[in-house]
């Protein structure tokens, strides 16, 4: 059947009409919703996917929510399972959940798409949300099946985002005109004081995985960020790559990797670090997950050899779904940086909490955190040993009702305040990002 030979109309009740209510005109066939579903199913069975998609998309515009939900669901399954279009299928499943957030089966399928796209964190979050909403026993079995199968993801993929980023303090510097030292007050250069600016924030990541055996695979990940400004001396760019095996043990997932990171500031090399890391993810019941991270790296500071250091990071994260539309989590972290000069050696720790809430086709997020940093000794020039107390908070939104394909606009506003005993590290800033990012 030719896809262009079908046009559909429905009664207000969106039910099947008797044959006497149908009118056939040259070049056009009027079908009830029930008949159009039958046509789409037959076209799909005959592998005429173009005709089936045309029919399903026509049904997806029906004013009856149950009919358009069924049409989107069938179309999404066809796109995913017959055509391998997992990203497009994920968009359709998300559209259904925007209208019917309690649709457990749909949320499970969205989790499956996220897993196929390599978004393991998002897949696990959807599974927790589905279970928080309450599911019948047979669907619970599907949950367990998909949770156990999350290691069979798409072999490669990635994402990218771009945003305009106004910032009241792009260099995280003091607003003071002078710097107190043991030999008197120094007058600060303009570049050493707080500078506001409008920049462009670029974020990207890509991954590749290949099987090693039935329970493990090699995972290679690359990520980059760039904050670019008209005053290029404040440009901040970094690139990192990680590679190593990922294991599945029961319900747990363990990743071990070698890691390297290059950073440029003001377009000149700033630092290079190389080391290793490990991550352990463990489900806690049906609605929560625990994640433990450990990293160790040798840092080569290319601006100041006294800041060459060994860096050790430990973090524990707990994520929980309170309902199908509401969730949150906590992260506790500790960091030790043992530098060549004890004045640059620091110990720090912090606690961050976050919440997310889905409202229609919008996902709102909020986070708040506190951290404290202490240096081992006083740097010779400064009168006090460095001790920082840092507060940060942010709110944001992801607006899917304005999406274009799999991309949707995002907005994020952040506030940060660092109170330090050393004036040069005492600062505050307000920042924002207005951009677009891949929805899946």
Protein backbone atom coordinates (compact mmCIF):
# COMPACT_ATOMS: atom_id res chain seq x y z
CA UNK A 1 0.00 0.00 0.00
CA UNK A 2 1.24 3.51 -0.72
CA UNK A 3 1.57 5.64 2.41
CA UNK A 4 0.18 8.71 0.68
CA UNK A 5 -3.08 6.93 -0.24
CA UNK A 6 -4.46 7.03 3.30
CA UNK A 7 -6.25 9.86 5.10
CA UNK A 8 -8.05 9.42 8.42
CA UNK A 9 -10.95 11.06 10.23
CA UNK A 10 -12.60 10.26 13.57
CA UNK A 11 -15.85 10.94 15.35
CA UNK A 12 -15.60 12.97 18.62
CA UNK A 13 -15.79 9.69 20.53
CA UNK A 14 -12.88 8.43 18.43
CA UNK A 15 -14.49 5.02 18.08
CA UNK A 16 -15.08 2.83 15.06
CA UNK A 17 -17.88 3.99 12.74
CA UNK A 18 -20.30 1.88 10.77
CA UNK A 19 -19.56 1.47 7.09
CA UNK A 20 -22.53 3.69 6.19
CA UNK A 21 -20.72 6.63 7.89
CA UNK A 22 -17.64 6.35 5.70
CA UNK A 23 -17.24 8.26 2.48
CA UNK A 24 -14.85 7.28 -0.25
CA UNK A 25 -13.62 9.90 -2.69
CA UNK A 26 -11.16 9.57 -5.56
CA UNK A 27 -7.60 9.46 -4.18
CA UNK A 28 -8.76 9.40 -0.55
CA UNK A 29 -10.08 6.71 1.80
CA UNK A 30 -11.73 7.73 5.07
CA UNK A 31 -11.16 5.23 7.86
CA UNK A 32 -12.21 5.01 11.47
CA UNK A 33 -9.53 4.89 14.16
CA UNK A 34 -10.05 1.15 14.62
CA UNK A 35 -9.66 0.51 10.90
CA UNK A 36 -6.57 2.71 10.73
CA UNK A 37 -4.98 0.72 13.58
CA UNK A 38 -5.72 -2.45 11.62
CA UNK A 39 -4.25 -0.94 8.46
CA UNK A 40 -1.08 0.09 10.36
CA UNK A 41 -0.68 -3.36 11.91
CA UNK A 42 -1.08 -5.08 8.54
CA UNK A 43 1.39 -2.70 6.90
CA UNK A 44 3.89 -3.34 9.69
CA UNK A 45 3.45 -7.11 9.36
CA UNK A 46 4.08 -6.75 5.61
CA UNK A 47 7.22 -4.70 6.45
CA UNK A 48 5.77 -1.62 4.80
CA UNK A 49 7.08 0.49 7.65
CA UNK A 50 6.62 3.81 5.83
CA UNK A 51 2.87 3.22 5.47
CA UNK A 52 2.59 1.97 9.05
CA UNK A 53 4.42 5.04 10.37
CA UNK A 54 2.17 7.38 8.39
CA UNK A 55 -0.92 5.73 9.86
CA UNK A 56 0.42 5.70 13.44
CA UNK A 57 1.44 9.35 13.23
CA UNK A 58 -2.03 10.27 11.98
CA UNK A 59 -3.54 8.40 14.93
CA UNK A 60 -1.10 10.12 17.30
CA UNK A 61 -2.87 13.45 16.57
CA UNK A 62 -6.25 12.13 17.75
CA UNK A 63 -7.89 14.26 20.48
CA UNK A 64 -8.66 11.12 22.51
CA UNK A 65 -5.71 10.58 24.87
CA UNK A 66 -6.08 6.79 24.94
CA UNK A 67 -5.99 6.50 21.15
CA UNK A 68 -3.03 8.79 20.65
CA UNK A 69 -1.19 7.06 23.51
CA UNK A 70 -1.73 3.65 21.90
CA UNK A 71 -0.61 5.00 18.52
CA UNK A 72 2.57 6.54 19.93
CA UNK A 73 3.34 3.38 21.86
CA UNK A 74 2.97 1.08 18.83
CA UNK A 75 4.93 3.47 16.64
CA UNK A 76 7.74 3.70 19.19
CA UNK A 77 8.02 -0.07 19.44
CA UNK A 78 8.12 -0.35 15.66
CA UNK A 79 10.80 2.33 15.36
CA UNK A 80 12.90 0.65 18.05
CA UNK A 81 12.48 -3.03 17.27
CA UNK A 82 12.01 -3.01 13.48
CA UNK A 83 13.99 0.03 12.38
CA UNK A 84 16.58 0.44 15.16
CA UNK A 85 15.62 4.10 15.70
CA UNK A 86 16.02 4.08 19.47
CA UNK A 87 16.40 7.84 19.85
CA UNK A 88 13.15 8.57 17.98
CA UNK A 89 11.39 5.86 19.98
CA UNK A 90 12.64 7.41 23.23
CA UNK A 91 11.15 10.77 22.20
CA UNK A 92 7.74 9.14 21.66
CA UNK A 93 7.84 7.26 24.98
CA UNK A 94 8.70 10.53 26.72
CA UNK A 95 5.74 12.27 25.02
CA UNK A 96 3.43 9.59 26.41
CA UNK A 97 4.85 9.97 29.92
CA UNK A 98 4.45 13.74 29.75
CA UNK A 99 0.69 13.13 29.51
CA UNK A 100 0.48 9.89 31.53
CA UNK A 101 3.39 9.76 34.02
CA UNK A 102 1.94 6.68 35.73
CA UNK A 103 2.21 4.48 32.62
CA UNK A 104 4.60 1.90 34.05
CA UNK A 105 5.04 -0.18 30.89
CA UNK A 106 5.91 2.94 28.89
CA UNK A 107 8.48 4.00 31.47
CA UNK A 108 10.08 0.57 31.29
CA UNK A 109 10.33 0.83 27.51
CA UNK A 110 11.86 4.29 27.87
CA UNK A 111 14.43 2.77 30.22
CA UNK A 112 15.18 0.15 27.57
CA UNK A 113 15.72 2.88 24.97
CA UNK A 114 18.00 4.79 27.32
CA UNK A 115 20.03 1.64 27.84
CA UNK A 116 20.26 1.04 24.08
CA UNK A 117 21.49 4.61 23.68
CA UNK A 118 24.12 4.05 26.35
CA UNK A 119 22.51 6.34 28.95
CA UNK A 120 22.76 3.90 31.85
CA UNK A 121 22.13 6.46 34.57
CA UNK A 122 18.96 7.68 32.87
CA UNK A 123 17.81 4.08 32.26
CA UNK A 124 18.23 3.15 35.91
CA UNK A 125 16.44 6.34 37.00
CA UNK A 126 13.43 5.47 34.81
CA UNK A 127 13.33 1.94 36.26
CA UNK A 128 13.33 3.33 39.80
CA UNK A 129 10.56 5.78 38.88
CA UNK A 130 8.49 2.96 37.37
CA UNK A 131 8.78 0.90 40.53
CA UNK A 132 8.00 3.90 42.74
CA UNK A 133 4.71 4.31 40.88
CA UNK A 134 3.69 0.74 41.73
CA UNK A 135 3.53 -2.08 39.22
CA UNK A 136 1.70 -5.40 38.89
CA UNK A 137 3.77 -8.58 39.46
CA UNK A 138 4.16 -9.42 35.76
CA UNK A 139 5.55 -5.94 35.07
CA UNK A 140 7.89 -6.27 38.05
CA UNK A 141 9.36 -9.29 36.26
CA UNK A 142 10.04 -7.08 33.23
CA UNK A 143 11.76 -4.58 35.49
CA UNK A 144 14.11 -7.26 36.77
CA UNK A 145 14.75 -8.47 33.22
CA UNK A 146 15.65 -5.01 31.93
CA UNK A 147 17.70 -4.19 35.02
CA UNK A 148 19.75 -7.33 34.45
CA UNK A 149 20.15 -6.57 30.75
CA UNK A 150 21.47 -3.01 31.05
CA UNK A 151 24.94 -4.19 30.11
CA UNK A 152 23.81 -4.91 26.53
CA UNK A 153 23.83 -1.31 25.34
CA UNK A 154 24.44 0.38 22.04
CA UNK A 155 28.13 -0.11 21.07
CA UNK A 156 28.79 3.59 20.47
CA UNK A 157 27.09 6.93 20.85
CA UNK A 158 27.34 10.39 22.34
CA UNK A 159 25.66 13.69 23.13
CA UNK A 160 26.34 17.39 22.77
CA UNK A 161 24.99 20.64 24.19
CA UNK A 162 25.61 24.32 23.55
CA UNK A 163 24.51 27.28 25.66
CA UNK A 164 24.94 31.01 26.08
CA UNK A 165 26.46 31.50 29.53
CA UNK A 166 26.35 34.93 31.21
CA UNK A 167 28.46 34.97 34.37
CA UNK A 168 29.08 37.68 36.98
CA UNK A 169 32.55 36.27 37.78
CA UNK A 170 34.04 34.26 34.93
CA UNK A 171 37.45 33.87 36.62
CA UNK A 172 36.15 33.16 40.17
CA UNK A 173 38.25 36.00 41.53
CA UNK A 174 38.02 38.47 44.41
CA UNK A 175 36.32 41.84 43.98
CA UNK A 176 38.89 43.52 46.20
CA UNK A 177 41.33 46.01 44.65
CA UNK A 178 44.13 44.90 46.93
CA UNK A 179 45.58 41.68 48.32
CA UNK A 180 46.84 41.55 51.89
CA UNK A 181 50.27 39.91 52.35
CA UNK A 182 52.85 39.68 55.13
CA UNK A 183 54.78 42.55 53.53
CA UNK A 184 51.81 44.83 52.90
CA UNK A 185 48.90 45.24 50.53
CA UNK A 186 49.46 44.52 46.84
CA UNK A 187 47.38 46.24 44.16
CA UNK A 188 45.72 43.64 41.99
CA UNK A 189 45.86 43.66 38.20
CA UNK A 190 42.46 43.95 36.47
CA UNK A 191 42.73 40.35 35.20
CA UNK A 192 43.22 39.14 38.80
CA UNK A 193 39.93 40.71 39.93
CA UNK A 194 36.40 39.51 39.27
CA UNK A 195 35.33 39.92 35.66
CA UNK A 196 31.83 39.47 34.28
CA UNK A 197 31.18 38.22 30.78
CA UNK A 198 28.93 36.48 28.30
CA UNK A 199 30.37 33.22 27.07
CA UNK A 200 29.49 30.09 25.19
CA UNK A 201 29.45 26.81 27.09
CA UNK A 202 30.07 23.68 25.02
CA UNK A 203 29.69 20.15 26.41
CA UNK A 204 30.18 16.85 24.61
CA UNK A 205 30.74 13.20 25.30
CA UNK A 206 31.15 10.01 23.30
CA UNK A 207 31.62 6.36 24.17
CA UNK A 208 32.50 3.05 22.59
CA UNK A 209 32.05 -0.42 24.08
CA UNK A 210 32.81 -3.91 22.88
CA UNK A 211 32.27 -7.25 24.52
CA UNK A 212 35.06 -9.11 26.28
CA UNK A 213 32.96 -12.04 27.49
CA UNK A 214 29.37 -12.66 28.65
CA UNK A 215 29.76 -10.62 31.83
CA UNK A 216 32.24 -7.92 30.89
CA UNK A 217 33.03 -5.45 28.17
CA UNK A 218 35.60 -2.81 27.29
CA UNK A 219 34.26 0.72 27.72
CA UNK A 220 36.02 3.77 26.25
CA UNK A 221 34.67 7.22 27.05
CA UNK A 222 35.74 10.70 25.97
CA UNK A 223 34.34 14.00 27.21
CA UNK A 224 35.09 17.66 26.77
CA UNK A 225 33.93 21.04 27.96
CA UNK A 226 34.78 24.55 26.85
CA UNK A 227 33.80 27.90 28.36
CA UNK A 228 34.70 30.48 25.72
CA UNK A 229 34.67 34.26 26.11
CA UNK A 230 35.50 37.31 24.03
CA UNK A 231 38.45 37.90 26.38
CA UNK A 232 40.28 34.70 25.43
CA UNK A 233 42.62 34.85 28.44
CA UNK A 234 39.69 33.47 30.46
CA UNK A 235 38.82 30.59 28.11
CA UNK A 236 38.68 27.30 30.02
CA UNK A 237 38.91 24.07 27.99
CA UNK A 238 39.36 20.46 29.07
CA UNK A 239 39.40 17.05 27.39
CA UNK A 240 39.46 13.68 29.13
CA UNK A 241 39.49 10.05 28.07
CA UNK A 242 38.78 6.92 30.12
CA UNK A 243 39.19 3.29 29.10
CA UNK A 244 38.81 0.02 30.96
CA UNK A 245 36.67 -3.05 31.63
CA UNK A 246 33.10 -2.95 32.91
CA UNK A 247 31.79 -5.98 34.81
CA UNK A 248 28.30 -7.14 35.72
CA UNK A 249 28.08 -9.15 38.93
CA UNK A 250 24.52 -10.06 39.88
CA UNK A 251 22.69 -6.74 40.15
CA UNK A 252 25.91 -4.79 40.57
CA UNK A 253 27.98 -3.05 37.91
CA UNK A 254 31.69 -2.35 38.35
CA UNK A 255 33.84 -0.19 36.09
CA UNK A 256 37.64 0.11 36.30
CA UNK A 257 39.44 2.56 34.05
CA UNK A 258 42.67 4.30 33.22
CA UNK A 259 42.15 8.04 32.82
CA UNK A 260 43.89 11.09 31.35
CA UNK A 261 42.82 14.75 31.34
CA UNK A 262 44.26 17.78 29.53
CA UNK A 263 43.26 21.32 30.50
CA UNK A 264 43.96 24.67 28.84
CA UNK A 265 43.32 28.07 30.38
CA UNK A 266 43.60 31.21 28.29
CA UNK A 267 44.31 28.89 25.32
CA UNK A 268 47.64 27.88 26.93
CA UNK A 269 48.33 24.48 28.54
CA UNK A 270 47.40 24.53 32.22
CA UNK A 271 47.61 20.97 33.51
CA UNK A 272 47.80 17.31 32.61
CA UNK A 273 46.71 14.46 34.85
CA UNK A 274 46.85 10.69 34.51
CA UNK A 275 45.57 8.02 36.84
CA UNK A 276 42.99 5.34 37.48
CA UNK A 277 39.47 5.10 38.80
CA UNK A 278 36.77 2.64 39.81
CA UNK A 279 32.97 2.85 40.14
CA UNK A 280 30.60 0.44 41.87
CA UNK A 281 26.82 0.72 41.40
CA UNK A 282 24.48 -1.27 43.63
CA UNK A 283 20.64 -1.20 43.64
CA UNK A 284 19.10 -0.74 47.07
CA UNK A 285 15.63 -2.18 46.81
CA UNK A 286 13.45 -1.28 43.86
CA UNK A 287 13.52 2.52 44.13
CA UNK A 288 17.07 3.44 45.11
CA UNK A 289 20.68 3.03 44.06
CA UNK A 290 24.05 3.43 45.77
CA UNK A 291 27.14 4.45 43.81
CA UNK A 292 30.73 4.53 45.08
CA UNK A 293 33.52 6.26 43.15
CA UNK A 294 37.27 6.30 43.74
CA UNK A 295 39.92 8.12 41.72
CA UNK A 296 43.67 8.65 42.01
CA UNK A 297 45.69 10.79 39.62
CA UNK A 298 49.09 12.39 39.24
CA UNK A 299 48.60 16.07 38.35
CA UNK A 300 51.26 17.99 36.42
CA UNK A 301 50.61 21.73 36.72
CA UNK A 302 52.30 23.38 33.75
CA UNK A 303 52.10 26.89 35.21
CA UNK A 304 53.57 26.23 38.67
CA UNK A 305 55.65 23.15 39.54
CA UNK A 306 54.94 23.72 43.25
CA UNK A 307 51.33 22.73 42.50
CA UNK A 308 52.25 19.33 41.02
CA UNK A 309 50.26 16.89 43.14
CA UNK A 310 48.78 13.47 43.74
CA UNK A 311 45.01 13.74 43.87
CA UNK A 312 42.72 11.19 45.56
CA UNK A 313 38.92 11.44 45.35
CA UNK A 314 36.29 9.33 47.10
CA UNK A 315 32.55 9.84 46.67
CA UNK A 316 29.33 8.09 47.65
CA UNK A 317 26.00 8.86 45.96
CA UNK A 318 22.49 7.77 46.88
CA UNK A 319 19.65 8.24 44.37
CA UNK A 320 15.98 7.51 45.03
CA UNK A 321 12.68 7.77 43.17
CA UNK A 322 9.89 9.00 45.46
CA UNK A 323 7.26 8.60 42.74
CA UNK A 324 7.04 8.28 38.97
CA UNK A 325 7.54 12.07 38.62
CA UNK A 326 9.63 12.98 41.65
CA UNK A 327 13.07 11.95 42.84
CA UNK A 328 16.33 13.10 44.35
CA UNK A 329 19.64 12.14 45.82
CA UNK A 330 22.64 12.94 48.01
CA UNK A 331 26.37 12.87 47.35
CA UNK A 332 29.10 12.87 49.99
CA UNK A 333 32.64 13.42 48.72
CA UNK A 334 36.17 13.81 50.02
CA UNK A 335 39.32 14.93 48.23
CA UNK A 336 43.00 14.95 49.12
CA UNK A 337 45.53 16.84 46.99
CA UNK A 338 49.11 16.29 48.15
CA UNK A 339 51.14 18.94 46.34
CA UNK A 340 54.88 19.51 46.06
CA UNK A 341 54.47 22.60 48.28
CA UNK A 342 52.50 21.94 51.52
CA UNK A 343 50.92 25.37 51.10
CA UNK A 344 49.13 24.06 48.03
CA UNK A 345 48.28 20.69 49.61
CA UNK A 346 44.60 20.60 50.55
CA UNK A 347 41.98 18.36 52.11
CA UNK A 348 38.34 18.96 51.28
CA UNK A 349 34.92 17.41 51.72
CA UNK A 350 31.38 18.26 50.78
CA UNK A 351 27.73 17.30 50.69
CA UNK A 352 25.36 17.96 47.77
CA UNK A 353 21.62 17.28 47.51
CA UNK A 354 19.44 17.40 44.41
CA UNK A 355 15.77 17.02 43.49
CA UNK A 356 13.95 16.64 40.18
CA UNK A 357 10.27 16.98 39.37
CA UNK A 358 8.43 16.34 36.12
CA UNK A 359 5.55 18.72 35.40
CA UNK A 360 3.89 17.95 32.08
CA UNK A 361 6.56 18.22 29.40
CA UNK A 362 9.03 19.99 31.67
CA UNK A 363 11.62 18.54 34.04
CA UNK A 364 12.64 20.88 36.86
CA UNK A 365 15.83 20.34 38.85
CA UNK A 366 17.31 21.94 41.96
CA UNK A 367 20.54 21.35 43.85
CA UNK A 368 22.35 22.77 46.87
CA UNK A 369 25.70 21.95 48.40
CA UNK A 370 28.32 22.85 50.97
CA UNK A 371 32.04 22.06 50.97
CA UNK A 372 35.05 22.93 53.12
CA UNK A 373 38.70 23.04 52.07
CA UNK A 374 41.77 23.39 54.28
CA UNK A 375 45.39 23.77 53.23
CA UNK A 376 48.16 21.94 55.10
CA UNK A 377 50.21 25.09 55.71
CA UNK A 378 50.23 28.82 55.12
CA UNK A 379 51.76 29.93 51.85
CA UNK A 380 54.76 32.14 52.57
CA UNK A 381 53.26 35.32 51.11
CA UNK A 382 49.87 35.19 52.83
CA UNK A 383 49.22 35.93 56.51
CA UNK A 384 46.79 33.01 57.02
CA UNK A 385 46.52 29.34 56.13
CA UNK A 386 43.89 28.87 53.47
CA UNK A 387 40.49 27.69 54.75
CA UNK A 388 37.49 27.90 52.41
CA UNK A 389 33.78 27.44 53.08
CA UNK A 390 31.84 27.18 49.83
CA UNK A 391 28.08 27.26 49.27
CA UNK A 392 26.38 26.65 45.94
CA UNK A 393 22.82 26.33 44.66
CA UNK A 394 21.18 26.00 41.27
CA UNK A 395 17.78 25.59 39.64
CA UNK A 396 17.09 24.51 36.08
CA UNK A 397 14.56 23.27 33.61
CA UNK A 398 14.44 21.02 30.54
CA UNK A 399 11.55 22.03 28.25
CA UNK A 400 10.52 19.15 25.99
CA UNK A 401 7.39 20.87 24.65
CA UNK A 402 9.75 23.07 22.59
CA UNK A 403 11.90 20.20 21.32
CA UNK A 404 13.24 19.87 17.80
CA UNK A 405 13.87 16.20 17.08
CA UNK A 406 15.73 14.84 20.11
CA UNK A 407 17.00 18.29 21.17
CA UNK A 408 15.22 20.55 23.63
CA UNK A 409 16.00 23.90 25.28
CA UNK A 410 17.42 24.06 28.80
CA UNK A 411 17.83 26.85 31.32
CA UNK A 412 20.00 26.79 34.43
CA UNK A 413 20.72 29.53 36.98
CA UNK A 414 23.40 29.09 39.63
CA UNK A 415 24.76 30.91 42.68
CA UNK A 416 28.11 30.31 44.34
CA UNK A 417 29.82 31.86 47.36
CA UNK A 418 33.30 30.98 48.58
CA UNK A 419 34.40 32.47 51.90
CA UNK A 420 38.17 32.18 52.29
CA UNK A 421 40.80 33.24 54.82
CA UNK A 422 42.99 34.19 51.85
CA UNK A 423 41.51 37.17 50.06
CA UNK A 424 42.38 36.11 46.53
CA UNK A 425 40.15 33.00 46.87
CA UNK A 426 37.25 34.88 48.45
CA UNK A 427 34.58 35.34 45.77
CA UNK A 428 30.92 35.09 44.80
CA UNK A 429 29.26 34.60 41.43
CA UNK A 430 25.90 34.25 39.71
CA UNK A 431 25.81 32.35 36.44
CA UNK A 432 23.27 31.11 33.93
CA UNK A 433 23.08 28.90 30.87
CA UNK A 434 20.49 29.18 28.09
CA UNK A 435 20.92 26.52 25.45
CA UNK A 436 19.91 23.28 23.82
CA UNK A 437 20.89 19.75 24.66
CA UNK A 438 20.14 16.27 23.41
CA UNK A 439 16.96 15.08 25.11
CA UNK A 440 18.10 11.44 25.16
